Protein backbone atom coordinates (compact mmCIF):
# COMPACT_ATOMS: atom_id res chain seq x y z
CA MET A 1 46.61 -191.44 -12.60
CA GLU A 2 47.32 -187.87 -11.91
CA LEU A 3 50.58 -188.85 -10.00
CA LYS A 4 51.78 -190.67 -13.18
CA LYS A 5 51.03 -187.89 -15.48
CA PHE A 6 52.74 -185.35 -13.08
CA LEU A 7 55.93 -187.61 -13.01
CA GLU A 8 56.08 -187.86 -16.71
CA GLN A 9 55.64 -184.08 -17.12
CA SER A 10 58.36 -183.43 -14.52
CA LEU A 11 60.80 -185.84 -16.12
CA THR A 12 60.19 -184.31 -19.64
CA LYS A 13 60.89 -180.84 -18.07
CA ILE A 14 64.09 -182.02 -16.58
CA ASP A 15 65.24 -183.55 -19.80
CA LYS A 16 64.55 -180.35 -21.70
CA GLN A 17 66.52 -178.35 -19.06
CA ASP A 18 69.39 -180.82 -19.24
CA GLU A 19 69.47 -180.57 -22.84
CA GLN A 20 69.48 -176.73 -22.86
CA LYS A 21 72.46 -176.86 -20.27
CA ILE A 22 74.50 -179.14 -22.60
CA GLN A 23 73.64 -176.81 -25.69
CA ASN A 24 74.85 -173.77 -23.62
CA PHE A 25 78.12 -175.57 -22.65
CA ALA A 26 78.76 -176.68 -26.29
CA LYS A 27 78.51 -173.07 -27.34
CA ILE A 28 81.02 -172.01 -24.67
CA CYS A 29 83.40 -174.85 -25.66
CA GLN A 30 83.13 -173.84 -29.28
CA ASN A 31 84.09 -170.19 -28.59
CA MET A 32 87.31 -171.27 -26.60
CA LYS A 33 90.59 -171.89 -28.01
CA PRO A 34 90.81 -175.45 -29.13
CA ALA A 35 93.65 -176.36 -26.76
CA ASN A 36 91.67 -174.93 -23.77
CA ALA A 37 88.46 -176.67 -24.78
CA ALA A 38 90.38 -179.91 -25.19
CA LYS A 39 91.79 -179.63 -21.63
CA ILE A 40 88.15 -179.42 -20.29
CA LEU A 41 86.55 -182.01 -22.60
CA ASP A 42 89.26 -184.54 -21.92
CA GLN A 43 87.97 -184.79 -18.32
CA LEU A 44 84.44 -185.89 -19.57
CA GLU A 45 83.18 -189.60 -19.83
CA SER A 46 82.94 -190.74 -23.54
CA ASP A 47 79.16 -190.79 -23.55
CA GLU A 48 79.16 -187.17 -22.22
CA LEU A 49 81.52 -186.16 -24.74
CA GLU A 50 79.61 -187.62 -27.51
CA ARG A 51 76.48 -185.97 -26.48
CA LEU A 52 78.17 -182.53 -26.12
CA VAL A 53 79.96 -182.61 -29.52
CA SER A 54 76.60 -183.44 -31.19
CA PHE A 55 75.52 -179.85 -30.63
CA MET A 56 78.97 -178.48 -31.96
CA ASP A 57 80.15 -177.30 -35.41
CA ILE A 58 82.28 -180.21 -36.91
CA ARG A 59 85.00 -177.97 -37.75
CA ARG A 60 85.44 -176.88 -34.10
CA VAL A 61 85.17 -180.57 -32.94
CA SER A 62 87.95 -181.51 -35.31
CA ALA A 63 90.22 -178.66 -34.17
CA ILE A 64 89.61 -179.64 -30.45
CA LEU A 65 90.12 -183.28 -31.16
CA ALA A 66 93.40 -182.52 -32.78
CA ASN A 67 94.56 -180.98 -29.51
CA PHE A 68 93.46 -184.19 -27.65
CA CYS A 69 96.23 -185.96 -29.79
CA LEU A 70 98.77 -183.30 -29.07
CA GLN A 71 98.27 -183.62 -25.42
CA SER A 72 98.65 -187.31 -25.40
CA PHE A 73 102.19 -187.10 -26.42
């Protein structure tokens, strides 16, 4: 029983640490120029990108996504 509780607590701690890292990365991306952020975010998988932008300001996300379109052409 103790091992199960320990594992559950450890997994919760890891999830919280990962979440904090994602939030910190989102803040960094928000403070970048949209074109530069788009170059970095373009390398992420769609589920990673979705999770990341959920922590970002919608106006910043739209500016970054606009640069995704410009880079495609």
